[in-house]
Amino acid sequence: MRILVTGSSGVLGQDLCRELVDEYEVVGLDVRAARAADGRGQVADFVKIDITDRDEAIEKISGIDPAIVIHAAAYTDVDGCELDPDRAREVNAIGTQNVALACRGCDIPIFYLSTDFVFDGNKKAPYTESDRPNPLNIYGKSKLDGEGYVGSLLDKFLIIRTSWLFGRGGKNFVDTIVDEAKRGKVLKVVNDQFGSPTYTKDLSRAIEGLINKVLAEDRIYGIYHITNGGGCSWYEFAVRILEYSNGENVAVMPITSNELDYPARRPKMSILDNSRYIELTGERLRPWSEALREYLC
């Protein structure tokens, strides 16, 4: 059984390929192959692709003839998206439309990775799949547009919203905090934005479980929120990172979002309610702090 993973060189894409390669024939698609840093190079077959080129995307995906496409490719630099909205739309919206068209032509399901940033953060409780999206920034809007293309073009789809990803093989908040701490800098981290840090290894395992259900002809299509358990502020996240990486002596200062001069607005509260996924599978991802401890220790 062949599974295709777009964005296979990204942080999530690499873990997806590693998780799936023992059970499936995995083909990774990206604009470049993964670097072989720390022995974590590309583990699956690799095909170079530009998903923003519709003809190329359709031709290459249909030529691979997969049973399922996991669409993890995205332009995820939130501030970069704000400064270059055309690129954000081209990759995150139009690129997703192209991948969805390829899936429609092959009559196969797509797993589309989306984000907590489709919400505005004004809710006082975790967001459910039925809550109305209202993105504050270009990144969230472009990902929501991608959701729209998937939902309008296909009947067989899973939209998986997740948040605050960390994992090996690419830039993430955890590694940034560890690196800054080693330089002895005073860290200033916002304490008024709340979300659920999510380990890409845990998310990949959850996605594999959903793949098995789909391949068993269990019609579970729709939107699912999947994150590690619990929530925290970025400041609380940073404090725990320092604790687990022996950086407790590094000074970390809580600040407000208003003290940062970032191009893109962020939601104040974007914790996702995982109840639908838990009800479907009978499983829940472990607390984010346990996942973080494993990642760092």
Protein backbone atom coordinates (compact mmCIF):
# COMPACT_ATOMS: atom_id res chain seq x y z
CA MET A 1 0.00 0.00 0.00
CA ARG A 2 1.53 3.29 -1.11
CA ILE A 3 1.23 6.48 1.00
CA LEU A 4 2.34 9.85 -0.35
CA VAL A 5 3.55 12.57 2.05
CA THR A 6 3.89 16.13 0.77
CA GLY A 7 6.26 18.34 2.72
CA SER A 8 8.30 15.23 3.51
CA SER A 9 11.41 17.27 4.35
CA GLY A 10 9.63 19.33 7.02
CA VAL A 11 9.59 18.64 10.75
CA LEU A 12 6.25 16.81 10.62
CA GLY A 13 6.87 15.28 7.20
CA GLN A 14 10.06 13.57 8.32
CA ASP A 15 8.38 12.00 11.35
CA LEU A 16 5.41 10.93 9.23
CA CYS A 17 7.71 9.14 6.81
CA ARG A 18 9.60 7.45 9.66
CA GLU A 19 6.40 6.35 11.35
CA LEU A 20 4.82 4.93 8.20
CA VAL A 21 7.76 3.41 6.34
CA ASP A 22 7.74 0.10 8.24
CA GLU A 23 4.11 -0.64 7.32
CA TYR A 24 3.64 1.09 3.97
CA GLU A 25 5.47 2.02 0.81
CA VAL A 26 6.06 5.71 1.48
CA VAL A 27 6.88 8.33 -1.12
CA GLY A 28 7.89 11.80 0.03
CA LEU A 29 7.24 14.91 -2.04
CA ASP A 30 8.90 18.26 -1.42
CA VAL A 31 10.81 21.04 -3.16
CA ARG A 32 14.02 19.55 -1.73
CA ALA A 33 15.12 16.37 -0.01
CA ALA A 34 15.63 16.30 3.76
CA ARG A 35 19.10 17.08 5.01
CA ALA A 36 20.92 14.14 6.55
CA ALA A 37 21.61 16.03 9.78
CA ASP A 38 22.07 13.78 12.83
CA GLY A 39 21.50 10.76 10.64
CA ARG A 40 17.90 11.84 9.97
CA GLY A 41 17.90 12.09 6.22
CA GLN A 42 15.07 11.14 3.89
CA VAL A 43 13.94 7.62 4.80
CA ALA A 44 11.29 7.21 2.10
CA ASP A 45 11.46 7.33 -1.67
CA PHE A 46 11.62 10.96 -2.71
CA VAL A 47 10.16 12.92 -5.62
CA LYS A 48 10.88 16.61 -6.11
CA ILE A 49 7.74 18.63 -6.74
CA ASP A 50 6.42 22.17 -6.84
CA ILE A 51 2.82 21.90 -5.63
CA THR A 52 2.09 25.44 -6.85
CA ASP A 53 2.48 24.16 -10.44
CA ARG A 54 -0.92 22.55 -11.07
CA ASP A 55 0.08 20.45 -14.07
CA GLU A 56 3.20 19.16 -12.35
CA ALA A 57 1.35 18.38 -9.12
CA ILE A 58 -1.42 16.45 -10.85
CA GLU A 59 0.95 14.60 -13.16
CA LYS A 60 3.40 13.51 -10.45
CA ILE A 61 0.83 12.58 -7.84
CA SER A 62 -1.27 10.58 -10.29
CA GLY A 63 1.89 8.93 -11.62
CA ILE A 64 2.83 7.73 -8.14
CA ASP A 65 -0.64 6.18 -7.79
CA PRO A 66 -0.93 6.37 -3.96
CA ALA A 67 -3.75 4.98 -1.84
CA ILE A 68 -3.73 8.10 0.38
CA VAL A 69 -2.07 11.52 0.25
CA ILE A 70 -1.01 13.21 3.49
CA HIS A 71 -0.68 16.88 2.61
CA ALA A 72 1.71 18.40 5.15
CA ALA A 73 3.50 20.82 2.79
CA ALA A 74 2.98 24.45 3.79
CA TYR A 75 4.57 27.85 4.16
CA THR A 76 4.50 27.99 7.97
CA ASP A 77 6.49 31.16 8.72
CA VAL A 78 3.65 33.17 10.28
CA ASP A 79 5.36 36.55 10.00
CA GLY A 80 6.78 35.64 6.60
CA CYS A 81 3.25 34.98 5.38
CA GLU A 82 2.16 38.40 6.64
CA LEU A 83 4.98 40.08 4.72
CA ASP A 84 4.44 38.01 1.57
CA PRO A 85 0.72 37.19 1.34
CA ASP A 86 1.00 36.19 -2.32
CA ARG A 87 3.44 33.42 -1.48
CA ALA A 88 1.30 32.32 1.46
CA ARG A 89 -1.76 31.99 -0.76
CA GLU A 90 0.19 30.34 -3.58
CA VAL A 91 1.63 27.61 -1.34
CA ASN A 92 -1.00 27.12 1.34
CA ALA A 93 -4.18 27.70 -0.65
CA ILE A 94 -3.49 27.18 -4.35
CA GLY A 95 -0.92 24.44 -3.67
CA THR A 96 -3.52 22.64 -1.57
CA GLN A 97 -6.10 23.10 -4.31
CA ASN A 98 -3.70 21.47 -6.77
CA VAL A 99 -3.04 18.50 -4.48
CA ALA A 100 -6.79 18.13 -3.87
CA LEU A 101 -7.46 18.14 -7.63
CA ALA A 102 -4.89 15.37 -8.05
CA CYS A 103 -6.62 13.35 -5.31
CA ARG A 104 -9.98 13.89 -6.96
CA GLY A 105 -8.62 12.64 -10.27
CA CYS A 106 -7.27 9.53 -8.58
CA ASP A 107 -10.37 9.10 -6.37
CA ILE A 108 -8.27 8.82 -3.20
CA PRO A 109 -8.53 10.40 0.28
CA ILE A 110 -6.43 13.34 1.41
CA PHE A 111 -5.25 14.06 4.95
CA TYR A 112 -4.78 17.84 5.09
CA LEU A 113 -2.74 19.29 7.97
CA SER A 114 -4.19 22.57 9.17
CA THR A 115 -3.69 24.82 12.16
CA ASP A 116 -5.12 26.33 15.34
CA PHE A 117 -4.48 29.71 13.74
CA VAL A 118 -7.73 29.45 11.79
CA PHE A 119 -9.33 30.74 15.03
CA ASP A 120 -9.22 34.27 16.45
CA GLY A 121 -8.53 33.27 20.06
CA ASN A 122 -11.51 35.08 21.57
CA LYS A 123 -13.15 31.93 22.94
CA LYS A 124 -12.63 31.22 26.62
CA ALA A 125 -12.64 27.42 26.20
CA PRO A 126 -10.83 25.02 23.83
CA TYR A 127 -12.00 25.19 20.23
CA THR A 128 -14.10 22.37 18.78
CA GLU A 129 -14.39 21.38 15.12
CA SER A 130 -17.79 23.07 14.92
CA ASP A 131 -16.54 26.48 16.09
CA ARG A 132 -16.50 29.16 13.41
CA PRO A 133 -13.01 29.95 12.10
CA ASN A 134 -11.96 33.58 12.02
CA PRO A 135 -8.21 33.88 11.38
CA LEU A 136 -6.33 36.96 12.53
CA ASN A 137 -3.40 36.68 10.13
CA ILE A 138 -2.51 35.77 6.55
CA TYR A 139 -1.08 32.39 7.53
CA GLY A 140 -4.32 31.33 9.22
CA LYS A 141 -6.40 32.66 6.34
CA SER A 142 -4.31 30.83 3.74
CA LYS A 143 -4.61 27.56 5.66
CA LEU A 144 -8.36 28.07 6.04
CA ASP A 145 -8.60 28.68 2.30
CA GLY A 146 -6.80 25.36 1.86
CA GLU A 147 -9.44 23.72 4.07
CA GLY A 148 -12.09 25.24 1.84
CA TYR A 149 -10.57 23.78 -1.32
CA VAL A 150 -10.27 20.33 0.27
CA GLY A 151 -13.86 20.37 1.50
CA SER A 152 -15.34 21.66 -1.75
CA LEU A 153 -13.38 19.44 -4.15
CA LEU A 154 -13.41 16.12 -2.29
CA ASP A 155 -15.76 13.80 -0.43
CA LYS A 156 -12.92 11.69 0.97
CA PHE A 157 -10.90 13.94 3.25
CA LEU A 158 -9.64 14.42 6.79
CA ILE A 159 -8.71 17.92 7.85
CA ILE A 160 -6.43 17.64 10.88
CA ARG A 161 -5.92 20.83 12.87
CA THR A 162 -2.97 20.83 15.23
CA SER A 163 -0.80 23.39 17.01
CA TRP A 164 2.62 24.49 18.26
CA LEU A 165 4.56 21.66 16.62
CA PHE A 166 8.01 20.62 17.77
CA GLY A 167 10.19 17.79 16.51
CA ARG A 168 13.56 16.98 15.01
CA GLY A 169 14.65 17.95 11.55
CA GLY A 170 13.78 21.63 11.43
CA LYS A 171 13.37 24.93 13.27
CA ASN A 172 10.99 24.92 16.22
CA PHE A 173 10.37 26.84 19.46
CA VAL A 174 11.94 24.20 21.71
CA ASP A 175 15.27 24.18 19.90
CA THR A 176 15.25 27.98 19.68
CA ILE A 177 14.84 28.33 23.47
CA VAL A 178 17.59 25.76 24.13
CA ASP A 179 19.97 27.51 21.72
CA GLU A 180 19.26 30.96 23.15
CA ALA A 181 19.78 29.64 26.68
CA LYS A 182 23.20 28.28 25.73
CA ARG A 183 24.18 31.80 24.67
CA GLY A 184 23.32 33.06 28.15
CA LYS A 185 20.73 35.51 26.92
CA VAL A 186 17.84 36.79 29.00
CA LEU A 187 14.78 35.29 27.35
CA LYS A 188 11.62 37.35 26.88
CA VAL A 189 8.60 35.18 26.14
CA VAL A 190 4.93 36.10 25.83
CA ASN A 191 2.69 35.01 28.67
CA ASP A 192 -0.70 35.90 27.17
CA GLN A 193 -0.95 33.43 24.28
CA PHE A 194 -2.14 29.92 25.11
CA GLY A 195 -2.00 26.73 23.06
CA SER A 196 -1.10 23.03 23.11
CA PRO A 197 2.50 22.12 22.24
CA THR A 198 2.45 19.01 20.04
CA TYR A 199 5.26 16.53 19.40
CA THR A 200 5.42 15.56 15.73
CA LYS A 201 6.21 11.96 16.64
CA ASP A 202 2.99 11.66 18.65
CA LEU A 203 0.96 13.38 15.94
CA SER A 204 2.42 11.06 13.30
CA ARG A 205 1.38 8.00 15.30
CA ALA A 206 -2.13 9.38 15.63
CA ILE A 207 -2.30 9.97 11.89
CA GLU A 208 -1.15 6.42 11.21
CA GLY A 209 -4.04 5.15 13.32
CA LEU A 210 -6.49 7.19 11.25
CA ILE A 211 -4.91 5.90 8.04
CA ASN A 212 -5.53 2.35 9.20
CA LYS A 213 -9.18 3.19 9.81
CA VAL A 214 -9.60 4.75 6.38
CA LEU A 215 -7.94 1.82 4.65
CA ALA A 216 -10.26 -0.52 6.55
CA GLU A 217 -13.07 1.36 4.78
CA ASP A 218 -14.17 3.12 7.94
CA ARG A 219 -15.76 6.33 6.65
CA ILE A 220 -14.41 8.72 9.27
CA TYR A 221 -14.05 11.70 6.97
CA GLY A 222 -14.29 15.24 8.31
CA ILE A 223 -12.38 17.62 10.59
CA TYR A 224 -10.39 16.49 13.64
CA HIS A 225 -8.41 18.41 16.23
CA ILE A 226 -5.32 16.50 17.36
CA THR A 227 -2.75 17.85 19.82
CA ASN A 228 -0.87 16.65 22.85
CA GLY A 229 -2.90 16.96 26.02
CA GLY A 230 -3.17 20.11 28.08
CA GLY A 231 -2.26 23.69 27.34
CA CYS A 232 0.10 26.44 28.44
CA SER A 233 1.40 29.87 27.54
CA TRP A 234 4.56 30.31 25.49
CA TYR A 235 6.21 31.52 28.72
CA GLU A 236 5.19 28.39 30.62
CA PHE A 237 6.39 26.30 27.69
CA ALA A 238 9.78 28.05 27.77
CA VAL A 239 10.14 27.55 31.53
CA ARG A 240 9.49 23.82 31.17
CA ILE A 241 11.95 23.59 28.25
CA LEU A 242 14.66 25.14 30.41
CA GLU A 243 13.82 22.80 33.29
CA TYR A 244 14.15 19.70 31.10
CA SER A 245 17.30 20.91 29.35
CA ASN A 246 19.17 21.88 32.53
CA GLY A 247 18.79 25.57 31.80
CA GLU A 248 17.01 26.57 35.01
CA ASN A 249 19.64 29.21 35.74
CA VAL A 250 18.79 31.13 32.57
CA ALA A 251 16.62 34.18 33.21
CA VAL A 252 13.26 34.13 31.44
CA MET A 253 10.98 37.15 31.56
CA PRO A 254 7.22 37.05 30.87
CA ILE A 255 6.02 39.80 28.53
CA THR A 256 2.78 40.70 26.77
CA SER A 257 2.03 40.32 23.08
CA ASN A 258 1.83 44.11 22.81
CA GLU A 259 5.52 44.33 23.70
CA LEU A 260 6.46 42.42 20.54
CA ASP A 261 6.65 44.13 17.19
CA TYR A 262 5.68 41.15 15.05
CA PRO A 263 4.01 41.67 11.66
CA ALA A 264 1.32 39.02 12.28
CA ARG A 265 -1.26 39.02 15.05
CA ARG A 266 -1.61 35.78 17.01
CA PRO A 267 -4.70 34.38 18.75
CA LYS A 268 -4.58 34.78 22.52
CA MET A 269 -6.15 31.35 23.14
CA SER A 270 -5.98 28.59 20.53
CA ILE A 271 -6.12 25.39 22.58
CA LEU A 272 -7.95 22.73 20.56
CA ASP A 273 -10.58 20.35 21.95
CA ASN A 274 -9.56 16.78 21.03
CA SER A 275 -12.84 15.14 22.11
CA ARG A 276 -13.90 14.06 18.64
CA TYR A 277 -10.60 12.28 17.98
CA ILE A 278 -10.68 10.65 21.42
CA GLU A 279 -14.26 9.46 20.91
CA LEU A 280 -13.38 8.00 17.49
CA THR A 281 -10.21 6.18 18.52
CA GLY A 282 -10.59 5.62 22.26
CA GLU A 283 -7.12 7.13 22.61
CA ARG A 284 -5.67 10.48 23.57
CA LEU A 285 -2.21 11.90 23.04
CA ARG A 286 -0.11 12.13 26.18
CA PRO A 287 0.30 15.48 27.98
CA TRP A 288 2.58 17.92 26.17
CA SER A 289 4.97 18.02 29.15
CA GLU A 290 5.59 14.26 28.94
CA ALA A 291 6.23 14.50 25.20
CA LEU A 292 8.59 17.43 25.75
CA ARG A 293 10.53 15.54 28.39
CA GLU A 294 11.08 12.64 25.98
CA TYR A 295 12.15 15.04 23.22
CA LEU A 296 14.72 16.77 25.42
CA CYS A 297 15.82 13.94 27.69
